[in-house]
Amino acid sequence: MSWTKEQMADKVISLFKPGSSINLGIGMPTAVAERIPPQSDFMIHSENGVLGVKGRPTKETVSPTLINAGKETISINKGASFFDSSMSFGMIRGGHIDYCVLGGMEVDCEQSLANWAIPGKKITGMGGAMDLVNGAKQVIIMMTHFSKDGESKLVKKCTLPLTGYKVVDLVVTEMGLFRPNGKAFEIIDLAEGVTKEQLKLP
């Protein structure tokens, strides 16, 4: 057994403190916005200049001018605000984002993250990830546990180009919740039925 993407998103949400500002990376982390309870007071930030992202729009409310950093259409909460990139990155670099949730290709025991490039493959760019991992107060990685080759993406030391060095606080995969402590990965929680041996931790 392992967690579904929705269960992973719920686990991430359970880590947020009330009233937090949150930035969600492209890909899997966008599922978090869709699972946040309507009564919550979280403020979701997107680095393309939106504060107050709500989740996916309906067919009736979709607008081509309302998008997130991954160019996906979004809906917004009442009272949402819009601003330019300089203001948005000022929020990030100024330490005003409580949590950022990013995808990952590798996370290592030293808390480093690689999530933007694989040598020899097309590179689309790092986007705001480098700013986020250094500017957000807490960095949570939400990713699949294993690569396509079946190897753990939780590694002793990253081999791919780094996004940030010693920046990751927590990692959520379909197998569980983990904390890199500099020397190893602490197991905080495991999906029902998952054993330590299945994790292939370094």
N, C-alpha and C. Protein backbone atom coordinates (compact mmCIF):
# COMPACT_ATOMS: atom_id res chain seq x y z
N MET A 1 0.84 -1.20 0.00
CA MET A 1 0.00 0.00 0.00
C MET A 1 0.87 1.25 0.00
N SER A 2 0.37 2.31 -0.60
CA SER A 2 1.07 3.60 -0.57
C SER A 2 0.01 4.69 -0.64
N TRP A 3 0.42 5.93 -0.32
CA TRP A 3 -0.52 7.04 -0.37
C TRP A 3 -0.82 7.43 -1.80
N THR A 4 -2.04 7.83 -2.06
CA THR A 4 -2.40 8.42 -3.34
C THR A 4 -1.88 9.86 -3.38
N LYS A 5 -1.94 10.48 -4.55
CA LYS A 5 -1.52 11.88 -4.65
C LYS A 5 -2.35 12.76 -3.74
N GLU A 6 -3.64 12.44 -3.61
CA GLU A 6 -4.52 13.23 -2.75
C GLU A 6 -4.13 13.05 -1.27
N GLN A 7 -3.77 11.83 -0.89
CA GLN A 7 -3.35 11.59 0.49
C GLN A 7 -2.01 12.28 0.78
N MET A 8 -1.13 12.29 -0.22
CA MET A 8 0.13 13.01 -0.07
C MET A 8 -0.14 14.50 0.15
N ALA A 9 -1.06 15.06 -0.64
CA ALA A 9 -1.41 16.47 -0.50
C ALA A 9 -1.99 16.75 0.88
N ASP A 10 -2.83 15.85 1.37
CA ASP A 10 -3.42 16.02 2.71
C ASP A 10 -2.34 15.99 3.79
N LYS A 11 -1.34 15.12 3.60
CA LYS A 11 -0.24 15.05 4.56
C LYS A 11 0.53 16.37 4.57
N VAL A 12 0.78 16.92 3.38
CA VAL A 12 1.47 18.21 3.29
C VAL A 12 0.66 19.29 4.01
N ILE A 13 -0.63 19.33 3.75
CA ILE A 13 -1.50 20.35 4.37
C ILE A 13 -1.47 20.25 5.88
N SER A 14 -1.37 19.03 6.41
CA SER A 14 -1.35 18.84 7.86
C SER A 14 -0.10 19.44 8.51
N LEU A 15 0.91 19.76 7.71
CA LEU A 15 2.15 20.34 8.22
C LEU A 15 2.09 21.86 8.34
N PHE A 16 1.09 22.48 7.71
CA PHE A 16 0.97 23.93 7.70
C PHE A 16 0.37 24.45 9.00
N LYS A 17 0.89 25.57 9.48
CA LYS A 17 0.29 26.24 10.62
C LYS A 17 -0.79 27.20 10.14
N PRO A 18 -1.84 27.44 10.94
CA PRO A 18 -2.91 28.36 10.55
C PRO A 18 -2.36 29.73 10.17
N GLY A 19 -2.97 30.33 9.13
CA GLY A 19 -2.59 31.66 8.71
C GLY A 19 -1.31 31.74 7.90
N SER A 20 -0.81 30.60 7.45
CA SER A 20 0.47 30.57 6.73
C SER A 20 0.35 31.04 5.30
N SER A 21 1.46 31.59 4.79
CA SER A 21 1.58 31.88 3.37
C SER A 21 2.36 30.72 2.73
N ILE A 22 1.88 30.27 1.57
CA ILE A 22 2.39 29.04 0.98
C ILE A 22 2.62 29.23 -0.51
N ASN A 23 3.77 28.80 -1.00
CA ASN A 23 4.01 28.78 -2.45
C ASN A 23 4.04 27.33 -2.90
N LEU A 24 3.33 27.03 -3.98
CA LEU A 24 3.26 25.67 -4.52
C LEU A 24 3.97 25.62 -5.86
N GLY A 25 4.94 24.71 -5.98
CA GLY A 25 5.65 24.53 -7.23
C GLY A 25 4.77 23.88 -8.28
N ILE A 26 5.27 23.81 -9.51
CA ILE A 26 4.51 23.20 -10.60
C ILE A 26 4.53 21.68 -10.45
N GLY A 27 3.60 21.03 -11.13
CA GLY A 27 3.53 19.57 -11.07
C GLY A 27 2.73 19.09 -9.87
N MET A 28 3.23 18.05 -9.21
CA MET A 28 2.51 17.41 -8.12
C MET A 28 2.08 18.36 -6.99
N PRO A 29 2.90 19.34 -6.60
CA PRO A 29 2.47 20.22 -5.51
C PRO A 29 1.18 21.00 -5.77
N THR A 30 0.81 21.20 -7.03
CA THR A 30 -0.43 21.93 -7.30
C THR A 30 -1.66 21.21 -6.75
N ALA A 31 -1.54 19.90 -6.50
CA ALA A 31 -2.66 19.15 -5.92
C ALA A 31 -3.00 19.65 -4.52
N VAL A 32 -2.05 20.29 -3.85
CA VAL A 32 -2.28 20.80 -2.50
C VAL A 32 -3.39 21.85 -2.51
N ALA A 33 -3.38 22.74 -3.50
CA ALA A 33 -4.39 23.80 -3.58
C ALA A 33 -5.80 23.23 -3.70
N GLU A 34 -5.91 22.10 -4.38
CA GLU A 34 -7.23 21.49 -4.60
C GLU A 34 -7.77 20.80 -3.35
N ARG A 35 -6.88 20.50 -2.38
CA ARG A 35 -7.28 19.73 -1.20
C ARG A 35 -7.42 20.60 0.06
N ILE A 36 -7.04 21.86 -0.02
CA ILE A 36 -7.13 22.72 1.17
C ILE A 36 -8.59 22.96 1.53
N PRO A 37 -8.98 22.72 2.78
CA PRO A 37 -10.38 22.91 3.19
C PRO A 37 -10.82 24.35 2.99
N PRO A 38 -12.06 24.57 2.55
CA PRO A 38 -12.56 25.93 2.27
C PRO A 38 -12.48 26.86 3.47
N GLN A 39 -12.61 26.31 4.68
CA GLN A 39 -12.63 27.15 5.88
C GLN A 39 -11.23 27.54 6.36
N SER A 40 -10.19 27.06 5.71
CA SER A 40 -8.84 27.36 6.15
C SER A 40 -8.47 28.80 5.83
N ASP A 41 -7.45 29.31 6.53
CA ASP A 41 -7.03 30.70 6.31
C ASP A 41 -5.63 30.77 5.70
N PHE A 42 -5.26 29.74 4.94
CA PHE A 42 -3.96 29.77 4.25
C PHE A 42 -4.00 30.75 3.08
N MET A 43 -2.85 31.37 2.79
CA MET A 43 -2.72 32.26 1.65
C MET A 43 -1.74 31.63 0.66
N ILE A 44 -2.23 31.22 -0.50
CA ILE A 44 -1.37 30.57 -1.48
C ILE A 44 -0.83 31.59 -2.46
N HIS A 45 0.48 31.59 -2.58
CA HIS A 45 1.22 32.55 -3.40
C HIS A 45 1.74 31.84 -4.65
N SER A 46 1.67 32.52 -5.77
CA SER A 46 2.28 32.01 -7.01
C SER A 46 3.25 33.05 -7.51
N GLU A 47 4.48 32.63 -7.86
CA GLU A 47 5.52 33.62 -8.15
C GLU A 47 5.29 34.43 -9.40
N ASN A 48 4.29 34.08 -10.21
CA ASN A 48 3.97 34.92 -11.36
C ASN A 48 3.11 36.12 -10.96
N GLY A 49 2.79 36.24 -9.66
CA GLY A 49 2.15 37.46 -9.18
C GLY A 49 0.73 37.33 -8.68
N VAL A 50 0.44 36.27 -7.93
CA VAL A 50 -0.90 36.09 -7.35
C VAL A 50 -0.77 35.70 -5.89
N LEU A 51 -1.55 36.30 -5.04
CA LEU A 51 -1.68 35.88 -3.64
C LEU A 51 -3.15 35.65 -3.38
N GLY A 52 -3.51 34.39 -3.09
CA GLY A 52 -4.91 34.04 -2.90
C GLY A 52 -5.39 32.99 -3.87
N VAL A 53 -4.48 32.12 -4.33
CA VAL A 53 -4.87 31.03 -5.23
C VAL A 53 -5.77 30.07 -4.48
N LYS A 54 -6.82 29.61 -5.15
CA LYS A 54 -7.80 28.74 -4.52
C LYS A 54 -7.72 27.30 -5.01
N GLY A 55 -7.43 27.08 -6.25
CA GLY A 55 -7.42 25.72 -6.80
C GLY A 55 -7.87 25.74 -8.25
N ARG A 56 -8.47 24.64 -8.70
CA ARG A 56 -8.90 24.55 -10.09
C ARG A 56 -10.24 25.25 -10.31
N PRO A 57 -10.39 25.95 -11.43
CA PRO A 57 -11.69 26.57 -11.73
C PRO A 57 -12.65 25.55 -12.33
N THR A 58 -13.92 25.90 -12.32
CA THR A 58 -14.92 25.09 -13.02
C THR A 58 -15.01 25.58 -14.46
N LYS A 59 -15.74 24.87 -15.29
CA LYS A 59 -15.92 25.30 -16.68
C LYS A 59 -16.60 26.66 -16.75
N GLU A 60 -17.45 26.93 -15.77
CA GLU A 60 -18.19 28.19 -15.76
C GLU A 60 -17.33 29.36 -15.29
N THR A 61 -16.31 29.10 -14.49
CA THR A 61 -15.52 30.19 -13.91
C THR A 61 -14.11 30.31 -14.49
N VAL A 62 -13.72 29.41 -15.38
CA VAL A 62 -12.35 29.42 -15.91
C VAL A 62 -12.08 30.72 -16.68
N SER A 63 -10.87 31.25 -16.49
CA SER A 63 -10.46 32.46 -17.19
C SER A 63 -9.03 32.26 -17.71
N PRO A 64 -8.80 32.57 -18.99
CA PRO A 64 -7.44 32.41 -19.54
C PRO A 64 -6.43 33.37 -18.94
N THR A 65 -6.89 34.39 -18.24
CA THR A 65 -5.97 35.36 -17.65
C THR A 65 -5.61 35.03 -16.20
N LEU A 66 -6.23 33.98 -15.64
CA LEU A 66 -5.92 33.57 -14.27
C LEU A 66 -5.13 32.26 -14.34
N ILE A 67 -3.80 32.37 -14.16
CA ILE A 67 -2.94 31.20 -14.26
C ILE A 67 -1.92 31.20 -13.12
N ASN A 68 -1.35 30.01 -12.87
CA ASN A 68 -0.27 29.92 -11.90
C ASN A 68 1.08 29.93 -12.63
N ALA A 69 2.16 29.70 -11.90
CA ALA A 69 3.50 29.76 -12.49
C ALA A 69 3.73 28.66 -13.52
N GLY A 70 2.93 27.60 -13.46
CA GLY A 70 3.04 26.52 -14.44
C GLY A 70 2.10 26.70 -15.63
N LYS A 71 1.52 27.90 -15.74
CA LYS A 71 0.59 28.26 -16.83
C LYS A 71 -0.69 27.44 -16.81
N GLU A 72 -1.05 26.92 -15.64
CA GLU A 72 -2.32 26.21 -15.47
C GLU A 72 -3.37 27.21 -14.99
N THR A 73 -4.61 27.04 -15.44
CA THR A 73 -5.67 27.93 -15.00
C THR A 73 -6.00 27.68 -13.54
N ILE A 74 -6.33 28.74 -12.83
CA ILE A 74 -6.62 28.66 -11.40
C ILE A 74 -7.88 29.44 -11.08
N SER A 75 -8.38 29.23 -9.88
CA SER A 75 -9.41 30.12 -9.33
C SER A 75 -8.78 30.85 -8.14
N ILE A 76 -9.45 31.88 -7.67
CA ILE A 76 -8.88 32.69 -6.60
C ILE A 76 -9.89 32.89 -5.48
N ASN A 77 -9.37 33.14 -4.29
CA ASN A 77 -10.22 33.44 -3.15
C ASN A 77 -10.65 34.90 -3.18
N LYS A 78 -11.72 35.21 -2.47
CA LYS A 78 -12.17 36.58 -2.31
C LYS A 78 -11.05 37.36 -1.62
N GLY A 79 -10.74 38.53 -2.16
CA GLY A 79 -9.69 39.35 -1.59
C GLY A 79 -8.31 39.06 -2.14
N ALA A 80 -8.21 38.21 -3.16
CA ALA A 80 -6.91 37.90 -3.77
C ALA A 80 -6.29 39.17 -4.35
N SER A 81 -4.95 39.16 -4.44
CA SER A 81 -4.26 40.34 -4.99
C SER A 81 -3.31 39.92 -6.10
N PHE A 82 -3.00 40.88 -6.97
CA PHE A 82 -2.14 40.64 -8.13
C PHE A 82 -1.04 41.69 -8.16
N PHE A 83 0.14 41.29 -8.58
CA PHE A 83 1.30 42.19 -8.56
C PHE A 83 2.32 41.71 -9.58
N ASP A 84 3.35 42.52 -9.81
CA ASP A 84 4.35 42.15 -10.81
C ASP A 84 5.40 41.22 -10.22
N SER A 85 6.30 40.73 -11.09
CA SER A 85 7.31 39.75 -10.67
C SER A 85 8.27 40.31 -9.64
N SER A 86 8.61 41.59 -9.74
CA SER A 86 9.55 42.16 -8.78
C SER A 86 8.97 42.16 -7.37
N MET A 87 7.69 42.47 -7.25
CA MET A 87 7.03 42.41 -5.95
C MET A 87 6.94 40.97 -5.46
N SER A 88 6.60 40.06 -6.37
CA SER A 88 6.45 38.65 -6.01
C SER A 88 7.75 38.07 -5.48
N PHE A 89 8.85 38.35 -6.21
CA PHE A 89 10.13 37.81 -5.76
C PHE A 89 10.67 38.57 -4.56
N GLY A 90 10.21 39.81 -4.37
CA GLY A 90 10.53 40.52 -3.14
C GLY A 90 9.93 39.83 -1.93
N MET A 91 8.70 39.30 -2.10
CA MET A 91 8.06 38.54 -1.02
C MET A 91 8.87 37.29 -0.69
N ILE A 92 9.31 36.60 -1.76
CA ILE A 92 10.06 35.35 -1.57
C ILE A 92 11.42 35.63 -0.95
N ARG A 93 12.18 36.52 -1.56
CA ARG A 93 13.54 36.79 -1.10
C ARG A 93 13.56 37.52 0.25
N GLY A 94 12.47 38.19 0.56
CA GLY A 94 12.40 38.91 1.83
C GLY A 94 11.97 38.05 3.00
N GLY A 95 11.74 36.76 2.76
CA GLY A 95 11.39 35.85 3.84
C GLY A 95 9.94 35.91 4.27
N HIS A 96 9.04 36.32 3.36
CA HIS A 96 7.62 36.48 3.71
C HIS A 96 6.77 35.26 3.36
N ILE A 97 7.39 34.21 2.81
CA ILE A 97 6.66 32.98 2.49
C ILE A 97 6.99 31.95 3.57
N ASP A 98 5.96 31.45 4.23
CA ASP A 98 6.18 30.51 5.34
C ASP A 98 6.61 29.13 4.85
N TYR A 99 5.93 28.63 3.82
CA TYR A 99 6.22 27.29 3.30
C TYR A 99 6.30 27.33 1.78
N CYS A 100 7.25 26.61 1.22
CA CYS A 100 7.16 26.33 -0.21
C CYS A 100 7.14 24.82 -0.37
N VAL A 101 6.32 24.36 -1.31
CA VAL A 101 6.18 22.93 -1.59
C VAL A 101 6.62 22.74 -3.03
N LEU A 102 7.70 21.99 -3.22
CA LEU A 102 8.28 21.80 -4.55
C LEU A 102 8.37 20.32 -4.89
N GLY A 103 8.39 20.03 -6.20
CA GLY A 103 8.68 18.68 -6.64
C GLY A 103 10.18 18.43 -6.57
N GLY A 104 10.59 17.19 -6.78
CA GLY A 104 12.02 16.90 -6.70
C GLY A 104 12.42 15.71 -7.56
N MET A 105 13.67 15.73 -7.98
CA MET A 105 14.28 14.58 -8.66
C MET A 105 15.17 13.80 -7.70
N GLU A 106 15.83 14.54 -6.81
CA GLU A 106 16.65 13.93 -5.75
C GLU A 106 16.64 14.83 -4.53
N VAL A 107 16.61 14.21 -3.36
CA VAL A 107 16.87 14.90 -2.09
C VAL A 107 17.89 14.06 -1.36
N ASP A 108 18.91 14.70 -0.77
CA ASP A 108 19.91 13.89 -0.08
C ASP A 108 19.91 14.11 1.42
N CYS A 109 20.70 13.29 2.10
CA CYS A 109 20.76 13.31 3.56
C CYS A 109 21.21 14.66 4.09
N GLU A 110 21.97 15.41 3.27
CA GLU A 110 22.47 16.71 3.68
C GLU A 110 21.44 17.82 3.52
N GLN A 111 20.20 17.44 3.15
CA GLN A 111 19.08 18.37 2.98
C GLN A 111 19.15 19.15 1.66
N SER A 112 19.96 18.67 0.72
CA SER A 112 20.06 19.35 -0.57
C SER A 112 19.00 18.83 -1.54
N LEU A 113 18.65 19.67 -2.50
CA LEU A 113 17.60 19.36 -3.48
C LEU A 113 18.11 19.52 -4.90
N ALA A 114 17.76 18.55 -5.75
CA ALA A 114 17.96 18.67 -7.19
C ALA A 114 16.60 18.48 -7.84
N ASN A 115 16.13 19.51 -8.55
CA ASN A 115 14.79 19.38 -9.13
C ASN A 115 14.61 20.11 -10.45
N TRP A 116 15.72 20.50 -11.10
CA TRP A 116 15.51 21.34 -12.28
C TRP A 116 16.20 20.87 -13.55
N ALA A 117 17.18 19.98 -13.48
CA ALA A 117 17.90 19.60 -14.70
C ALA A 117 18.46 18.19 -14.60
N ILE A 118 18.41 17.49 -15.73
CA ILE A 118 19.08 16.20 -15.90
C ILE A 118 20.08 16.38 -17.03
N PRO A 119 21.38 16.19 -16.77
CA PRO A 119 22.39 16.40 -17.82
C PRO A 119 22.06 15.60 -19.08
N GLY A 120 22.17 16.29 -20.22
CA GLY A 120 21.91 15.65 -21.50
C GLY A 120 20.48 15.74 -21.97
N LYS A 121 19.59 16.26 -21.10
CA LYS A 121 18.19 16.40 -21.48
C LYS A 121 17.82 17.87 -21.57
N LYS A 122 16.74 18.16 -22.30
CA LYS A 122 16.31 19.53 -22.51
C LYS A 122 16.05 20.21 -21.17
N ILE A 123 16.54 21.43 -21.04
CA ILE A 123 16.38 22.20 -19.82
C ILE A 123 15.40 23.34 -20.06
N THR A 124 14.36 23.41 -19.24
CA THR A 124 13.37 24.48 -19.38
C THR A 124 13.69 25.64 -18.44
N GLY A 125 14.62 25.46 -17.54
CA GLY A 125 14.99 26.53 -16.63
C GLY A 125 14.57 26.24 -15.20
N MET A 126 15.20 26.93 -14.27
CA MET A 126 14.95 26.69 -12.85
C MET A 126 13.72 27.42 -12.34
N GLY A 127 13.29 28.46 -13.06
CA GLY A 127 12.16 29.23 -12.56
C GLY A 127 12.49 29.90 -11.25
N GLY A 128 11.53 29.90 -10.32
CA GLY A 128 11.76 30.56 -9.03
C GLY A 128 12.24 29.63 -7.95
N ALA A 129 12.57 28.37 -8.31
CA ALA A 129 12.90 27.37 -7.28
C ALA A 129 14.10 27.76 -6.44
N MET A 130 15.15 28.31 -7.07
CA MET A 130 16.35 28.68 -6.32
C MET A 130 16.03 29.76 -5.29
N ASP A 131 15.19 30.71 -5.66
CA ASP A 131 14.79 31.76 -4.72
C ASP A 131 13.94 31.18 -3.60
N LEU A 132 13.02 30.29 -3.96
CA LEU A 132 12.10 29.73 -2.98
C LEU A 132 12.80 28.90 -1.92
N VAL A 133 13.75 28.05 -2.33
CA VAL A 133 14.39 27.18 -1.34
C VAL A 133 15.27 27.96 -0.37
N ASN A 134 15.66 29.17 -0.76
CA ASN A 134 16.48 30.00 0.12
C ASN A 134 15.68 31.08 0.83
N GLY A 135 14.50 31.41 0.29
CA GLY A 135 13.71 32.49 0.89
C GLY A 135 12.57 32.03 1.78
N ALA A 136 11.99 30.85 1.50
CA ALA A 136 10.87 30.36 2.31
C ALA A 136 11.38 29.90 3.68
N LYS A 137 10.52 30.03 4.68
CA LYS A 137 10.92 29.65 6.04
C LYS A 137 11.02 28.13 6.19
N GLN A 138 10.18 27.38 5.46
CA GLN A 138 10.26 25.93 5.48
C GLN A 138 10.09 25.40 4.06
N VAL A 139 10.90 24.41 3.71
CA VAL A 139 10.87 23.82 2.37
C VAL A 139 10.41 22.37 2.49
N ILE A 140 9.29 22.07 1.83
CA ILE A 140 8.74 20.71 1.82
C ILE A 140 8.79 20.20 0.39
N ILE A 141 9.34 19.00 0.21
CA ILE A 141 9.39 18.40 -1.12
C ILE A 141 8.31 17.33 -1.22
N MET A 142 7.52 17.40 -2.26
CA MET A 142 6.45 16.45 -2.54
C MET A 142 6.77 15.77 -3.86
N MET A 143 7.10 14.48 -3.81
CA MET A 143 7.55 13.79 -5.03
C MET A 143 7.31 12.31 -4.91
N THR A 144 7.43 11.61 -6.04
CA THR A 144 7.37 10.15 -6.01
C THR A 144 8.64 9.64 -5.35
N HIS A 145 8.53 8.50 -4.69
CA HIS A 145 9.65 7.97 -3.91
C HIS A 145 10.73 7.36 -4.80
N PHE A 146 10.30 6.76 -5.91
CA PHE A 146 11.23 6.03 -6.76
C PHE A 146 11.33 6.64 -8.16
N SER A 147 12.51 6.52 -8.77
CA SER A 147 12.70 6.93 -10.16
C SER A 147 12.08 5.89 -11.09
N LYS A 148 12.09 6.18 -12.38
CA LYS A 148 11.56 5.22 -13.36
C LYS A 148 12.34 3.92 -13.35
N ASP A 149 13.58 3.97 -12.88
CA ASP A 149 14.42 2.78 -12.79
C ASP A 149 14.20 2.01 -11.49
N GLY A 150 13.31 2.52 -10.64
CA GLY A 150 13.03 1.84 -9.38
C GLY A 150 13.98 2.18 -8.26
N GLU A 151 14.83 3.20 -8.46
CA GLU A 151 15.76 3.60 -7.42
C GLU A 151 15.15 4.70 -6.55
N SER A 152 15.51 4.69 -5.28
CA SER A 152 15.01 5.72 -4.37
C SER A 152 15.53 7.09 -4.77
N LYS A 153 14.65 8.09 -4.71
CA LYS A 153 15.05 9.47 -4.99
C LYS A 153 15.53 10.16 -3.71
N LEU A 154 15.47 9.45 -2.59
CA LEU A 154 16.09 9.89 -1.35
C LEU A 154 17.47 9.25 -1.32
N VAL A 155 18.50 10.05 -1.48
CA VAL A 155 19.84 9.53 -1.73
C VAL A 155 20.84 10.04 -0.69
N LYS A 156 22.00 9.39 -0.66
CA LYS A 156 23.06 9.81 0.26
C LYS A 156 23.57 11.20 -0.12
N LYS A 157 23.83 11.40 -1.41
CA LYS A 157 24.29 12.70 -1.91
C LYS A 157 23.75 12.88 -3.33
N CYS A 158 23.20 14.04 -3.61
CA CYS A 158 22.63 14.31 -4.93
C CYS A 158 23.71 14.20 -6.01
N THR A 159 23.32 13.61 -7.15
CA THR A 159 24.23 13.53 -8.30
C THR A 159 23.80 14.48 -9.41
N LEU A 160 22.57 14.96 -9.36
CA LEU A 160 22.06 15.91 -10.35
C LEU A 160 22.39 17.33 -9.93
N PRO A 161 22.36 18.29 -10.86
CA PRO A 161 22.65 19.69 -10.51
C PRO A 161 21.72 20.20 -9.39
N LEU A 162 22.31 20.83 -8.39
CA LEU A 162 21.54 21.25 -7.23
C LEU A 162 20.69 22.49 -7.49
N THR A 163 19.52 22.48 -6.88
CA THR A 163 18.67 23.67 -6.80
C THR A 163 19.06 24.47 -5.55
N GLY A 164 19.35 23.75 -4.48
CA GLY A 164 19.75 24.39 -3.24
C GLY A 164 20.52 23.42 -2.36
N TYR A 165 21.45 23.96 -1.57
CA TYR A 165 22.30 23.17 -0.68
C TYR A 165 21.84 23.33 0.76
N LYS A 166 21.54 22.23 1.41
CA LYS A 166 21.09 22.22 2.80
C LYS A 166 19.86 23.10 3.00
N VAL A 167 18.81 22.83 2.22
CA VAL A 167 17.62 23.68 2.26
C VAL A 167 16.33 22.93 2.60
N VAL A 168 16.31 21.60 2.49
CA VAL A 168 15.07 20.83 2.61
C VAL A 168 14.77 20.50 4.07
N ASP A 169 13.55 20.79 4.48
CA ASP A 169 13.12 20.46 5.85
C ASP A 169 12.42 19.12 5.93
N LEU A 170 11.49 18.85 5.00
CA LEU A 170 10.71 17.62 5.03
C LEU A 170 10.47 17.12 3.61
N VAL A 171 10.26 15.81 3.49
CA VAL A 171 9.95 15.20 2.20
C VAL A 171 8.71 14.32 2.35
N VAL A 172 7.73 14.53 1.49
CA VAL A 172 6.54 13.68 1.45
C VAL A 172 6.55 12.91 0.14
N THR A 173 6.52 11.58 0.23
CA THR A 173 6.38 10.72 -0.95
C THR A 173 5.16 9.83 -0.75
N GLU A 174 4.87 8.99 -1.73
CA GLU A 174 3.76 8.06 -1.58
C GLU A 174 4.02 7.01 -0.50
N MET A 175 5.29 6.91 -0.07
CA MET A 175 5.66 5.91 0.94
C MET A 175 5.61 6.45 2.36
N GLY A 176 5.76 7.77 2.51
CA GLY A 176 5.74 8.32 3.87
C GLY A 176 6.26 9.74 3.96
N LEU A 177 6.51 10.15 5.20
CA LEU A 177 7.02 11.49 5.52
C LEU A 177 8.40 11.33 6.14
N PHE A 178 9.38 12.09 5.63
CA PHE A 178 10.77 11.92 6.03
C PHE A 178 11.43 13.28 6.31
N ARG A 179 12.45 13.23 7.19
CA ARG A 179 13.23 14.43 7.49
C ARG A 179 14.71 14.13 7.29
N PRO A 180 15.38 14.81 6.35
CA PRO A 180 16.83 14.65 6.24
C PRO A 180 17.51 15.39 7.39
N ASN A 181 18.42 14.73 8.09
CA ASN A 181 19.01 15.34 9.28
C ASN A 181 20.50 15.63 9.12
N GLY A 182 21.02 15.53 7.90
CA GLY A 182 22.44 15.76 7.68
C GLY A 182 23.23 14.49 7.47
N LYS A 183 22.76 13.40 8.09
CA LYS A 183 23.45 12.12 7.97
C LYS A 183 22.56 11.00 7.42
N ALA A 184 21.26 11.13 7.62
CA ALA A 184 20.32 10.09 7.19
C ALA A 184 18.92 10.70 7.07
N PHE A 185 17.96 9.87 6.67
CA PHE A 185 16.56 10.29 6.60
C PHE A 185 15.81 9.71 7.80
N GLU A 186 15.27 10.59 8.63
CA GLU A 186 14.42 10.14 9.74
C GLU A 186 13.05 9.80 9.19
N ILE A 187 12.50 8.69 9.61
CA ILE A 187 11.15 8.30 9.21
C ILE A 187 10.17 8.86 10.23
N ILE A 188 9.33 9.80 9.78
CA ILE A 188 8.35 10.42 10.67
C ILE A 188 7.02 9.68 10.61
N ASP A 189 6.65 9.26 9.40
CA ASP A 189 5.37 8.55 9.20
C ASP A 189 5.49 7.70 7.95
N LEU A 190 4.82 6.56 7.94
CA LEU A 190 4.81 5.69 6.78
C LEU A 190 3.37 5.41 6.36
N ALA A 191 3.16 5.26 5.06
CA ALA A 191 1.84 4.85 4.56
C ALA A 191 1.53 3.46 5.10
N GLU A 192 0.26 3.19 5.29
CA GLU A 192 -0.17 1.91 5.85
C GLU A 192 0.37 0.75 5.01
N GLY A 193 1.00 -0.20 5.67
CA GLY A 193 1.50 -1.39 4.99
C GLY A 193 2.91 -1.27 4.45
N VAL A 194 3.48 -0.04 4.45
CA VAL A 194 4.84 0.16 3.94
C VAL A 194 5.85 -0.21 5.02
N THR A 195 6.88 -0.94 4.65
CA THR A 195 7.93 -1.32 5.60
C THR A 195 9.20 -0.54 5.31
N LYS A 196 10.07 -0.46 6.30
CA LYS A 196 11.32 0.27 6.16
C LYS A 196 12.18 -0.32 5.03
N GLU A 197 12.13 -1.63 4.88
CA GLU A 197 12.94 -2.30 3.86
C GLU A 197 12.54 -1.89 2.43
N GLN A 198 11.29 -1.55 2.24
CA GLN A 198 10.80 -1.16 0.91
C GLN A 198 11.29 0.21 0.48
N LEU A 199 11.75 1.01 1.42
CA LEU A 199 12.09 2.40 1.14
C LEU A 199 13.38 2.59 0.39
N LYS A 200 14.30 1.64 0.51
CA LYS A 200 15.63 1.73 -0.12
C LYS A 200 16.35 3.01 0.26
N LEU A 201 16.27 3.35 1.55
CA LEU A 201 16.93 4.56 2.03
C LEU A 201 18.43 4.35 2.11
N PRO A 202 19.21 5.41 1.91
CA PRO A 202 20.68 5.27 2.00
C PRO A 202 21.14 5.02 3.44
